[in-house]
Amino acid sequence: HGNGRGHEHDRDRYSDHDRDAARGWYHEHSSHLPPGLAKRDRLPPGLEGRLVVRGYLTPDLRREMHPCPHELEVVLPPPPPNYAHVVIGGHLVLMNRANFQIADVFHFEVN
């Protein structure tokens, strides 16, 4: 995908290139954001504090989970096997589909 990833241990983290691509997509679509990314979809502070790398998506967080929009998915490299990009309360989350462990979190800034 040309993003400079070459080390196996980096595959489950968002690179600077990934973060720049996601940020650019977000700003281009800020006037019509899908569920999970709109300002009204922000998480309460207690839930947002649970979105941590190597943490797990609790049932409360899973209820707030939305699929990653296709238009955003195509600017990101494919997730590693058994992982998925999802959006939760204004965050892009790379999660393990088998056990809901969080591999990485990217917070979209709200203007």
PDB file of N, CA and C in Angstrom:
ATOM      1  N   HIS A   1       0.835  -1.199   0.000  1.00  0.00           N
ATOM      2  CA  HIS A   1       0.000   0.000   0.000  1.00  0.00           C
ATOM      3  C   HIS A   1       0.871   1.251   0.000  1.00  0.00           C
ATOM      4  N   GLY A   2       2.179   1.060   0.092  1.00  0.00           N
ATOM      5  CA  GLY A   2       3.078   2.198  -0.013  1.00  0.00           C
ATOM      6  C   GLY A   2       3.151   3.070   1.219  1.00  0.00           C
ATOM      7  N   ASN A   3       2.812   2.546   2.378  1.00  0.00           N
ATOM      8  CA  ASN A   3       2.813   3.387   3.570  1.00  0.00           C
ATOM      9  C   ASN A   3       4.047   3.187   4.434  1.00  0.00           C
ATOM     10  N   GLY A   4       5.018   2.464   3.921  1.00  0.00           N
ATOM     11  CA  GLY A   4       6.260   2.327   4.658  1.00  0.00           C
ATOM     12  C   GLY A   4       6.252   1.259   5.734  1.00  0.00           C
ATOM     13  N   ARG A   5       5.192   0.485   5.810  1.00  0.00           N
ATOM     14  CA  ARG A   5       5.154  -0.570   6.815  1.00  0.00           C
ATOM     15  C   ARG A   5       5.999  -1.736   6.335  1.00  0.00           C
ATOM     16  N   GLY A   6       6.894  -2.184   7.143  1.00  0.00           N
ATOM     17  CA  GLY A   6       7.699  -3.314   6.763  1.00  0.00           C
ATOM     18  C   GLY A   6       7.926  -4.267   7.907  1.00  0.00           C
ATOM     19  N   HIS A   7       7.672  -3.841   9.100  1.00  0.00           N
ATOM     20  CA  HIS A   7       7.904  -4.676  10.270  1.00  0.00           C
ATOM     21  C   HIS A   7       6.605  -5.315  10.716  1.00  0.00           C
ATOM     22  N   GLU A   8       6.659  -6.611  10.942  1.00  0.00           N
ATOM     23  CA  GLU A   8       5.466  -7.363  11.324  1.00  0.00           C
ATOM     24  C   GLU A   8       4.791  -6.790  12.568  1.00  0.00           C
ATOM     25  N   HIS A   9       5.575  -6.349  13.558  1.00  0.00           N
ATOM     26  CA  HIS A   9       4.972  -5.862  14.807  1.00  0.00           C
ATOM     27  C   HIS A   9       4.251  -4.532  14.614  1.00  0.00           C
ATOM     28  N   ASP A  10       4.472  -3.850  13.493  1.00  0.00           N
ATOM     29  CA  ASP A  10       3.795  -2.579  13.235  1.00  0.00           C
ATOM     30  C   ASP A  10       2.443  -2.761  12.552  1.00  0.00           C
ATOM     31  N   ARG A  11       2.107  -3.958  12.146  1.00  0.00           N
ATOM     32  CA  ARG A  11       0.883  -4.170  11.374  1.00  0.00           C
ATOM     33  C   ARG A  11      -0.375  -3.924  12.192  1.00  0.00           C
ATOM     34  N   ASP A  12      -0.285  -3.985  13.495  1.00  0.00           N
ATOM     35  CA  ASP A  12      -1.484  -3.806  14.311  1.00  0.00           C
ATOM     36  C   ASP A  12      -1.524  -2.422  14.956  1.00  0.00           C
ATOM     37  N   ARG A  13      -0.874  -1.455  14.324  1.00  0.00           N
ATOM     38  CA  ARG A  13      -0.895  -0.068  14.805  1.00  0.00           C
ATOM     39  C   ARG A  13      -1.085   0.848  13.608  1.00  0.00           C
ATOM     40  N   TYR A  14      -1.698   1.996  13.841  1.00  0.00           N
ATOM     41  CA  TYR A  14      -1.835   2.988  12.784  1.00  0.00           C
ATOM     42  C   TYR A  14      -0.524   3.745  12.640  1.00  0.00           C
ATOM     43  N   SER A  15      -0.008   3.810  11.427  1.00  0.00           N
ATOM     44  CA  SER A  15       1.221   4.558  11.167  1.00  0.00           C
ATOM     45  C   SER A  15       0.882   6.043  11.055  1.00  0.00           C
ATOM     46  N   ASP A  16       1.895   6.883  11.025  1.00  0.00           N
ATOM     47  CA  ASP A  16       1.669   8.318  10.814  1.00  0.00           C
ATOM     48  C   ASP A  16       0.954   8.549   9.492  1.00  0.00           C
ATOM     49  N   HIS A  17       1.315   7.771   8.468  1.00  0.00           N
ATOM     50  CA  HIS A  17       0.656   7.893   7.159  1.00  0.00           C
ATOM     51  C   HIS A  17      -0.835   7.565   7.284  1.00  0.00           C
ATOM     52  N   ASP A  18      -1.160   6.488   8.005  1.00  0.00           N
ATOM     53  CA  ASP A  18      -2.563   6.103   8.216  1.00  0.00           C
ATOM     54  C   ASP A  18      -3.323   7.217   8.929  1.00  0.00           C
ATOM     55  N   ARG A  19      -2.708   7.781   9.949  1.00  0.00           N
ATOM     56  CA  ARG A  19      -3.356   8.835  10.727  1.00  0.00           C
ATOM     57  C   ARG A  19      -3.580  10.087   9.869  1.00  0.00           C
ATOM     58  N   ASP A  20      -2.595  10.437   9.036  1.00  0.00           N
ATOM     59  CA  ASP A  20      -2.758  11.585   8.141  1.00  0.00           C
ATOM     60  C   ASP A  20      -3.872  11.335   7.127  1.00  0.00           C
ATOM     61  N   ALA A  21      -3.923  10.116   6.582  1.00  0.00           N
ATOM     62  CA  ALA A  21      -4.968   9.771   5.617  1.00  0.00           C
ATOM     63  C   ALA A  21      -6.350   9.837   6.270  1.00  0.00           C
ATOM     64  N   ALA A  22      -6.474   9.300   7.480  1.00  0.00           N
ATOM     65  CA  ALA A  22      -7.759   9.325   8.193  1.00  0.00           C
ATOM     66  C   ALA A  22      -8.162  10.751   8.532  1.00  0.00           C
ATOM     67  N   ARG A  23      -7.202  11.554   8.975  1.00  0.00           N
ATOM     68  CA  ARG A  23      -7.483  12.953   9.308  1.00  0.00           C
ATOM     69  C   ARG A  23      -7.966  13.708   8.065  1.00  0.00           C
ATOM     70  N   GLY A  24      -7.304  13.481   6.919  1.00  0.00           N
ATOM     71  CA  GLY A  24      -7.709  14.122   5.668  1.00  0.00           C
ATOM     72  C   GLY A  24      -9.111  13.710   5.255  1.00  0.00           C
ATOM     73  N   TRP A  25      -9.408  12.426   5.364  1.00  0.00           N
ATOM     74  CA  TRP A  25     -10.747  11.935   5.026  1.00  0.00           C
ATOM     75  C   TRP A  25     -11.793  12.599   5.921  1.00  0.00           C
ATOM     76  N   TYR A  26     -11.490  12.675   7.212  1.00  0.00           N
ATOM     77  CA  TYR A  26     -12.429  13.248   8.178  1.00  0.00           C
ATOM     78  C   TYR A  26     -12.740  14.706   7.836  1.00  0.00           C
ATOM     79  N   HIS A  27     -11.721  15.483   7.521  1.00  0.00           N
ATOM     80  CA  HIS A  27     -11.938  16.891   7.201  1.00  0.00           C
ATOM     81  C   HIS A  27     -12.707  17.061   5.895  1.00  0.00           C
ATOM     82  N   GLU A  28     -12.469  16.201   4.927  1.00  0.00           N
ATOM     83  CA  GLU A  28     -13.214  16.254   3.668  1.00  0.00           C
ATOM     84  C   GLU A  28     -14.688  15.916   3.857  1.00  0.00           C
ATOM     85  N   HIS A  29     -15.005  15.092   4.837  1.00  0.00           N
ATOM     86  CA  HIS A  29     -16.374  14.623   5.059  1.00  0.00           C
ATOM     87  C   HIS A  29     -17.031  15.236   6.295  1.00  0.00           C
ATOM     88  N   SER A  30     -16.424  16.255   6.863  1.00  0.00           N
ATOM     89  CA  SER A  30     -16.910  16.788   8.137  1.00  0.00           C
ATOM     90  C   SER A  30     -18.339  17.320   8.084  1.00  0.00           C
ATOM     91  N   SER A  31     -18.832  17.677   6.921  1.00  0.00           N
ATOM     92  CA  SER A  31     -20.201  18.202   6.847  1.00  0.00           C
ATOM     93  C   SER A  31     -21.250  17.096   6.774  1.00  0.00           C
ATOM     94  N   HIS A  32     -20.834  15.865   6.545  1.00  0.00           N
ATOM     95  CA  HIS A  32     -21.796  14.748   6.470  1.00  0.00           C
ATOM     96  C   HIS A  32     -21.151  13.454   6.967  1.00  0.00           C
ATOM     97  N   LEU A  33     -20.840  13.453   8.254  1.00  0.00           N
ATOM     98  CA  LEU A  33     -20.178  12.295   8.851  1.00  0.00           C
ATOM     99  C   LEU A  33     -21.168  11.164   9.147  1.00  0.00           C
ATOM    100  N   PRO A  34     -20.735   9.930   8.963  1.00  0.00           N
ATOM    101  CA  PRO A  34     -21.616   8.788   9.229  1.00  0.00           C
ATOM    102  C   PRO A  34     -21.750   8.511  10.725  1.00  0.00           C
ATOM    103  N   PRO A  35     -22.686   7.611  11.098  1.00  0.00           N
ATOM    104  CA  PRO A  35     -22.855   7.257  12.505  1.00  0.00           C
ATOM    105  C   PRO A  35     -21.542   6.790  13.119  1.00  0.00           C
ATOM    106  N   GLY A  36     -21.331   7.213  14.358  1.00  0.00           N
ATOM    107  CA  GLY A  36     -20.122   6.872  15.076  1.00  0.00           C
ATOM    108  C   GLY A  36     -19.052   7.941  14.994  1.00  0.00           C
ATOM    109  N   LEU A  37     -19.174   8.841  14.009  1.00  0.00           N
ATOM    110  CA  LEU A  37     -18.178   9.898  13.853  1.00  0.00           C
ATOM    111  C   LEU A  37     -18.759  11.297  14.016  1.00  0.00           C
ATOM    112  N   ALA A  38     -20.079  11.422  13.949  1.00  0.00           N
ATOM    113  CA  ALA A  38     -20.702  12.740  14.094  1.00  0.00           C
ATOM    114  C   ALA A  38     -20.524  13.251  15.527  1.00  0.00           C
ATOM    115  N   LYS A  39     -20.568  14.557  15.672  1.00  0.00           N
ATOM    116  CA  LYS A  39     -20.354  15.182  16.986  1.00  0.00           C
ATOM    117  C   LYS A  39     -21.322  14.626  18.042  1.00  0.00           C
ATOM    118  N   ARG A  40     -22.551  14.347  17.622  1.00  0.00           N
ATOM    119  CA  ARG A  40     -23.564  13.829  18.562  1.00  0.00           C
ATOM    120  C   ARG A  40     -23.235  12.418  19.047  1.00  0.00           C
ATOM    121  N   ASP A  41     -22.302  11.750  18.384  1.00  0.00           N
ATOM    122  CA  ASP A  41     -21.954  10.369  18.727  1.00  0.00           C
ATOM    123  C   ASP A  41     -20.827  10.261  19.747  1.00  0.00           C
ATOM    124  N   ARG A  42     -20.362  11.381  20.284  1.00  0.00           N
ATOM    125  CA  ARG A  42     -19.253  11.343  21.252  1.00  0.00           C
ATOM    126  C   ARG A  42     -19.639  10.516  22.468  1.00  0.00           C
ATOM    127  N   LEU A  43     -18.636   9.858  23.006  1.00  0.00           N
ATOM    128  CA  LEU A  43     -18.851   9.016  24.180  1.00  0.00           C
ATOM    129  C   LEU A  43     -18.801   9.845  25.456  1.00  0.00           C
ATOM    130  N   PRO A  44     -19.519   9.409  26.489  1.00  0.00           N
ATOM    131  CA  PRO A  44     -19.346  10.039  27.798  1.00  0.00           C
ATOM    132  C   PRO A  44     -17.911   9.792  28.269  1.00  0.00           C
ATOM    133  N   PRO A  45     -17.371  10.692  29.093  1.00  0.00           N
ATOM    134  CA  PRO A  45     -15.980  10.549  29.538  1.00  0.00           C
ATOM    135  C   PRO A  45     -15.649   9.177  30.138  1.00  0.00           C
ATOM    136  N   GLY A  46     -16.554   8.588  30.877  1.00  0.00           N
ATOM    137  CA  GLY A  46     -16.297   7.284  31.487  1.00  0.00           C
ATOM    138  C   GLY A  46     -16.074   6.187  30.459  1.00  0.00           C
ATOM    139  N   LEU A  47     -16.848   6.220  29.382  1.00  0.00           N
ATOM    140  CA  LEU A  47     -16.671   5.224  28.330  1.00  0.00           C
ATOM    141  C   LEU A  47     -15.443   5.537  27.480  1.00  0.00           C
ATOM    142  N   GLU A  48     -15.230   6.807  27.180  1.00  0.00           N
ATOM    143  CA  GLU A  48     -14.095   7.179  26.348  1.00  0.00           C
ATOM    144  C   GLU A  48     -12.777   6.768  27.009  1.00  0.00           C
ATOM    145  N   GLY A  49     -12.721   6.841  28.320  1.00  0.00           N
ATOM    146  CA  GLY A  49     -11.518   6.459  29.039  1.00  0.00           C
ATOM    147  C   GLY A  49     -11.190   4.977  28.931  1.00  0.00           C
ATOM    148  N   ARG A  50     -12.162   4.177  28.478  1.00  0.00           N
ATOM    149  CA  ARG A  50     -11.932   2.734  28.323  1.00  0.00           C
ATOM    150  C   ARG A  50     -11.346   2.376  26.956  1.00  0.00           C
ATOM    151  N   LEU A  51     -11.281   3.344  26.044  1.00  0.00           N
ATOM    152  CA  LEU A  51     -10.700   3.090  24.723  1.00  0.00           C
ATOM    153  C   LEU A  51      -9.189   3.227  24.806  1.00  0.00           C
ATOM    154  N   VAL A  52      -8.534   2.179  25.218  1.00  0.00           N
ATOM    155  CA  VAL A  52      -7.083   2.202  25.384  1.00  0.00           C
ATOM    156  C   VAL A  52      -6.462   1.025  24.643  1.00  0.00           C
ATOM    157  N   VAL A  53      -5.277   1.259  24.102  1.00  0.00           N
ATOM    158  CA  VAL A  53      -4.544   0.205  23.413  1.00  0.00           C
ATOM    159  C   VAL A  53      -4.302  -0.955  24.378  1.00  0.00           C
ATOM    160  N   ARG A  54      -4.543  -2.147  23.902  1.00  0.00           N
ATOM    161  CA  ARG A  54      -4.445  -3.399  24.645  1.00  0.00           C
ATOM    162  C   ARG A  54      -5.583  -3.608  25.638  1.00  0.00           C
ATOM    163  N   GLY A  55      -6.525  -2.649  25.670  1.00  0.00           N
ATOM    164  CA  GLY A  55      -7.733  -2.850  26.454  1.00  0.00           C
ATOM    165  C   GLY A  55      -8.736  -3.650  25.631  1.00  0.00           C
ATOM    166  N   TYR A  56      -9.920  -3.830  26.169  1.00  0.00           N
ATOM    167  CA  TYR A  56     -10.958  -4.597  25.484  1.00  0.00           C
ATOM    168  C   TYR A  56     -12.219  -3.761  25.366  1.00  0.00           C
ATOM    169  N   LEU A  57     -12.957  -3.984  24.282  1.00  0.00           N
ATOM    170  CA  LEU A  57     -14.236  -3.304  24.119  1.00  0.00           C
ATOM    171  C   LEU A  57     -15.261  -3.991  25.008  1.00  0.00           C
ATOM    172  N   THR A  58     -15.730  -3.258  26.003  1.00  0.00           N
ATOM    173  CA  THR A  58     -16.753  -3.771  26.909  1.00  0.00           C
ATOM    174  C   THR A  58     -18.093  -3.820  26.176  1.00  0.00           C
ATOM    175  N   PRO A  59     -19.074  -4.510  26.719  1.00  0.00           N
ATOM    176  CA  PRO A  59     -20.395  -4.513  26.078  1.00  0.00           C
ATOM    177  C   PRO A  59     -20.942  -3.099  25.844  1.00  0.00           C
ATOM    178  N   ASP A  60     -20.689  -2.167  26.776  1.00  0.00           N
ATOM    179  CA  ASP A  60     -21.147  -0.784  26.590  1.00  0.00           C
ATOM    180  C   ASP A  60     -20.492  -0.154  25.362  1.00  0.00           C
ATOM    181  N   LEU A  61     -19.205  -0.372  25.189  1.00  0.00           N
ATOM    182  CA  LEU A  61     -18.502   0.176  24.024  1.00  0.00           C
ATOM    183  C   LEU A  61     -18.933  -0.525  22.739  1.00  0.00           C
ATOM    184  N   ARG A  62     -19.174  -1.824  22.793  1.00  0.00           N
ATOM    185  CA  ARG A  62     -19.616  -2.548  21.594  1.00  0.00           C
ATOM    186  C   ARG A  62     -20.950  -2.032  21.098  1.00  0.00           C
ATOM    187  N   ARG A  63     -21.815  -1.587  22.009  1.00  0.00           N
ATOM    188  CA  ARG A  63     -23.109  -1.020  21.591  1.00  0.00           C
ATOM    189  C   ARG A  63     -22.934   0.281  20.820  1.00  0.00           C
ATOM    190  N   GLU A  64     -21.825   0.974  21.036  1.00  0.00           N
ATOM    191  CA  GLU A  64     -21.544   2.243  20.358  1.00  0.00           C
ATOM    192  C   GLU A  64     -20.752   2.047  19.053  1.00  0.00           C
ATOM    193  N   MET A  65     -20.398   0.817  18.755  1.00  0.00           N
ATOM    194  CA  MET A  65     -19.536   0.499  17.621  1.00  0.00           C
ATOM    195  C   MET A  65     -20.316   0.547  16.307  1.00  0.00           C
ATOM    196  N   HIS A  66     -19.667   1.135  15.283  1.00  0.00           N
ATOM    197  CA  HIS A  66     -20.220   1.190  13.925  1.00  0.00           C
ATOM    198  C   HIS A  66     -19.158   0.707  12.952  1.00  0.00           C
ATOM    199  N   PRO A  67     -19.583   0.150  11.814  1.00  0.00           N
ATOM    200  CA  PRO A  67     -18.585  -0.235  10.818  1.00  0.00           C
ATOM    201  C   PRO A  67     -17.817   0.989  10.325  1.00  0.00           C
ATOM    202  N   CYS A  68     -16.586   0.780   9.953  1.00  0.00           N
ATOM    203  CA  CYS A  68     -15.792   1.852   9.361  1.00  0.00           C
ATOM    204  C   CYS A  68     -16.411   2.192   8.011  1.00  0.00           C
ATOM    205  N   PRO A  69     -16.654   3.471   7.728  1.00  0.00           N
ATOM    206  CA  PRO A  69     -17.217   3.837   6.417  1.00  0.00           C
ATOM    207  C   PRO A  69     -16.304   3.356   5.284  1.00  0.00           C
ATOM    208  N   HIS A  70     -16.912   2.854   4.223  1.00  0.00           N
ATOM    209  CA  HIS A  70     -16.146   2.330   3.095  1.00  0.00           C
ATOM    210  C   HIS A  70     -15.158   3.365   2.558  1.00  0.00           C
ATOM    211  N   GLU A  71     -15.586   4.628   2.471  1.00  0.00           N
ATOM    212  CA  GLU A  71     -14.724   5.685   1.940  1.00  0.00           C
ATOM    213  C   GLU A  71     -13.486   5.893   2.798  1.00  0.00           C
ATOM    214  N   LEU A  72     -13.587   5.642   4.091  1.00  0.00           N
ATOM    215  CA  LEU A  72     -12.433   5.724   4.981  1.00  0.00           C
ATOM    216  C   LEU A  72     -11.616   4.437   4.897  1.00  0.00           C
ATOM    217  N   GLU A  73     -12.302   3.325   4.825  1.00  0.00           N
ATOM    218  CA  GLU A  73     -11.626   2.022   4.750  1.00  0.00           C
ATOM    219  C   GLU A  73     -10.657   1.964   3.564  1.00  0.00           C
ATOM    220  N   VAL A  74     -11.022   2.566   2.446  1.00  0.00           N
ATOM    221  CA  VAL A  74     -10.170   2.468   1.255  1.00  0.00           C
ATOM    222  C   VAL A  74      -8.923   3.342   1.331  1.00  0.00           C
ATOM    223  N   VAL A  75      -8.886   4.330   2.225  1.00  0.00           N
ATOM    224  CA  VAL A  75      -7.659   5.133   2.373  1.00  0.00           C
ATOM    225  C   VAL A  75      -6.705   4.524   3.395  1.00  0.00           C
ATOM    226  N   LEU A  76      -7.174   3.515   4.118  1.00  0.00           N
ATOM    227  CA  LEU A  76      -6.346   2.820   5.113  1.00  0.00           C
ATOM    228  C   LEU A  76      -5.816   1.519   4.523  1.00  0.00           C
ATOM    229  N   PRO A  77      -4.677   1.054   5.007  1.00  0.00           N
ATOM    230  CA  PRO A  77      -4.229  -0.276   4.573  1.00  0.00           C
ATOM    231  C   PRO A  77      -5.176  -1.327   5.147  1.00  0.00           C
ATOM    232  N   PRO A  78      -5.262  -2.476   4.511  1.00  0.00           N
ATOM    233  CA  PRO A  78      -6.141  -3.518   5.057  1.00  0.00           C
ATOM    234  C   PRO A  78      -5.713  -3.884   6.470  1.00  0.00           C
ATOM    235  N   PRO A  79      -6.678  -4.166   7.334  1.00  0.00           N
ATOM    236  CA  PRO A  79      -6.303  -4.586   8.692  1.00  0.00           C
ATOM    237  C   PRO A  79      -5.640  -5.958   8.646  1.00  0.00           C
ATOM    238  N   PRO A  80      -4.857  -6.279   9.666  1.00  0.00           N
ATOM    239  CA  PRO A  80      -4.261  -7.622   9.733  1.00  0.00           C
ATOM    240  C   PRO A  80      -5.361  -8.682   9.795  1.00  0.00           C
ATOM    241  N   PRO A  81      -5.026  -9.932   9.517  1.00  0.00           N
ATOM    242  CA  PRO A  81      -6.029 -10.998   9.631  1.00  0.00           C
ATOM    243  C   PRO A  81      -6.680 -10.984  11.016  1.00  0.00           C
ATOM    244  N   ASN A  82      -7.976 -11.219  11.037  1.00  0.00           N
ATOM    245  CA  ASN A  82      -8.784 -11.268  12.265  1.00  0.00           C
ATOM    246  C   ASN A  82      -8.961  -9.919  12.945  1.00  0.00           C
ATOM    247  N   TYR A  83      -8.610  -8.824  12.263  1.00  0.00           N
ATOM    248  CA  TYR A  83      -8.800  -7.484  12.800  1.00  0.00           C
ATOM    249  C   TYR A  83      -9.770  -6.712  11.919  1.00  0.00           C
ATOM    250  N   ALA A  84     -10.345  -5.657  12.463  1.00  0.00           N
ATOM    251  CA  ALA A  84     -11.255  -4.807  11.711  1.00  0.00           C
ATOM    252  C   ALA A  84     -11.090  -3.366  12.155  1.00  0.00           C
ATOM    253  N   HIS A  85     -11.315  -2.453  11.211  1.00  0.00           N
ATOM    254  CA  HIS A  85     -11.411  -1.033  11.529  1.00  0.00           C
ATOM    255  C   HIS A  85     -12.874  -0.774  11.882  1.00  0.00           C
ATOM    256  N   VAL A  86     -13.133  -0.144  13.022  1.00  0.00           N
ATOM    257  CA  VAL A  86     -14.484   0.252  13.411  1.00  0.00           C
ATOM    258  C   VAL A  86     -14.428   1.685  13.933  1.00  0.00           C
ATOM    259  N   VAL A  87     -15.578   2.326  14.026  1.00  0.00           N
ATOM    260  CA  VAL A  87     -15.628   3.658  14.617  1.00  0.00           C
ATOM    261  C   VAL A  87     -16.505   3.610  15.857  1.00  0.00           C
ATOM    262  N   ILE A  88     -16.025   4.294  16.884  1.00  0.00           N
ATOM    263  CA  ILE A  88     -16.728   4.341  18.168  1.00  0.00           C
ATOM    264  C   ILE A  88     -16.580   5.741  18.725  1.00  0.00           C
ATOM    265  N   GLY A  89     -17.664   6.468  18.814  1.00  0.00           N
ATOM    266  CA  GLY A  89     -17.662   7.774  19.473  1.00  0.00           C
ATOM    267  C   GLY A  89     -16.608   8.741  18.983  1.00  0.00           C
ATOM    268  N   GLY A  90     -16.416   8.830  17.669  1.00  0.00           N
ATOM    269  CA  GLY A  90     -15.440   9.765  17.125  1.00  0.00           C
ATOM    270  C   GLY A  90     -14.027   9.226  17.093  1.00  0.00           C
ATOM    271  N   HIS A  91     -13.860   7.936  17.270  1.00  0.00           N
ATOM    272  CA  HIS A  91     -12.551   7.297  17.247  1.00  0.00           C
ATOM    273  C   HIS A  91     -12.523   6.226  16.166  1.00  0.00           C
ATOM    274  N   LEU A  92     -11.397   6.115  15.501  1.00  0.00           N
ATOM    275  CA  LEU A  92     -11.126   4.999  14.615  1.00  0.00           C
ATOM    276  C   LEU A  92     -10.394   3.963  15.465  1.00  0.00           C
ATOM    277  N   VAL A  93     -10.922   2.760  15.498  1.00  0.00           N
ATOM    278  CA  VAL A  93     -10.370   1.717  16.370  1.00  0.00           C
ATOM    279  C   VAL A  93     -10.003   0.507  15.530  1.00  0.00           C
ATOM    280  N   LEU A  94      -8.796   0.016  15.730  1.00  0.00           N
ATOM    281  CA  LEU A  94      -8.371  -1.237  15.128  1.00  0.00           C
ATOM    282  C   LEU A  94      -8.541  -2.301  16.202  1.00  0.00           C
ATOM    283  N   MET A  95      -9.467  -3.234  15.956  1.00  0.00           N
ATOM    284  CA  MET A  95      -9.786  -4.198  16.997  1.00  0.00           C
ATOM    285  C   MET A  95      -9.692  -5.622  16.490  1.00  0.00           C
ATOM    286  N   ASN A  96      -9.359  -6.512  17.407  1.00  0.00           N
ATOM    287  CA  ASN A  96      -9.332  -7.935  17.145  1.00  0.00           C
ATOM    288  C   ASN A  96     -10.779  -8.430  17.154  1.00  0.00           C
ATOM    289  N   ARG A  97     -11.223  -9.011  16.037  1.00  0.00           N
ATOM    290  CA  ARG A  97     -12.619  -9.455  15.933  1.00  0.00           C
ATOM    291  C   ARG A  97     -12.921 -10.651  16.824  1.00  0.00           C
ATOM    292  N   ALA A  98     -11.911 -11.438  17.170  1.00  0.00           N
ATOM    293  CA  ALA A  98     -12.140 -12.649  17.966  1.00  0.00           C
ATOM    294  C   ALA A  98     -12.402 -12.337  19.429  1.00  0.00           C
ATOM    295  N   ASN A  99     -11.657 -11.359  19.996  1.00  0.00           N
ATOM    296  CA  ASN A  99     -11.785 -11.124  21.437  1.00  0.00           C
ATOM    297  C   ASN A  99     -12.046  -9.666  21.809  1.00  0.00           C
ATOM    298  N   PHE A 100     -12.251  -8.803  20.794  1.00  0.00           N
ATOM    299  CA  PHE A 100     -12.549  -7.380  21.006  1.00  0.00           C
ATOM    300  C   PHE A 100     -11.408  -6.617  21.676  1.00  0.00           C
ATOM    301  N   GLN A 101     -10.181  -7.123  21.572  1.00  0.00           N
ATOM    302  CA  GLN A 101      -9.048  -6.373  22.105  1.00  0.00           C
ATOM    303  C   GLN A 101      -8.716  -5.215  21.157  1.00  0.00           C
ATOM    304  N   ILE A 102      -8.370  -4.079  21.740  1.00  0.00           N
ATOM    305  CA  ILE A 102      -8.049  -2.871  20.991  1.00  0.00           C
ATOM    306  C   ILE A 102      -6.559  -2.882  20.657  1.00  0.00           C
ATOM    307  N   ALA A 103      -6.244  -2.844  19.353  1.00  0.00           N
ATOM    308  CA  ALA A 103      -4.852  -2.799  18.919  1.00  0.00           C
ATOM    309  C   ALA A 103      -4.366  -1.355  18.816  1.00  0.00           C
ATOM    310  N   ASP A 104      -5.263  -0.446  18.385  1.00  0.00           N
ATOM    311  CA  ASP A 104      -4.892   0.962  18.281  1.00  0.00           C
ATOM    312  C   ASP A 104      -6.156   1.803  18.234  1.00  0.00           C
ATOM    313  N   VAL A 105      -6.005   3.079  18.604  1.00  0.00           N
ATOM    314  CA  VAL A 105      -7.116   4.027  18.628  1.00  0.00           C
ATOM    315  C   VAL A 105      -6.620   5.335  18.040  1.00  0.00           C
ATOM    316  N   PHE A 106      -7.419   5.921  17.145  1.00  0.00           N
ATOM    317  CA  PHE A 106      -7.127   7.232  16.596  1.00  0.00           C
ATOM    318  C   PHE A 106      -8.336   8.117  16.863  1.00  0.00           C
ATOM    319  N   HIS A 107      -8.112   9.254  17.525  1.00  0.00           N
ATOM    320  CA  HIS A 107      -9.200  10.170  17.855  1.00  0.00           C
ATOM    321  C   HIS A 107      -9.300  11.256  16.787  1.00  0.00           C
ATOM    322  N   PHE A 108     -10.486  11.359  16.185  1.00  0.00           N
ATOM    323  CA  PHE A 108     -10.748  12.437  15.237  1.00  0.00           C
ATOM    324  C   PHE A 108     -11.064  13.693  16.030  1.00  0.00           C
ATOM    325  N   GLU A 109     -10.414  14.790  15.696  1.00  0.00           N
ATOM    326  CA  GLU A 109     -10.664  16.060  16.382  1.00  0.00           C
ATOM    327  C   GLU A 109     -11.963  16.661  15.885  1.00  0.00           C
ATOM    328  N   VAL A 110     -12.755  17.180  16.788  1.00  0.00           N
ATOM    329  CA  VAL A 110     -14.011  17.833  16.443  1.00  0.00           C
ATOM    330  C   VAL A 110     -13.783  19.334  16.472  1.00  0.00           C
ATOM    331  N   ASN A 111     -14.150  19.989  15.403  1.00  0.00           N
ATOM    332  CA  ASN A 111     -14.002  21.460  15.342  1.00  0.00           C
ATOM    333  C   ASN A 111     -15.204  22.143  15.918  1.00  0.00           C
TER     334      ASN A 111
END
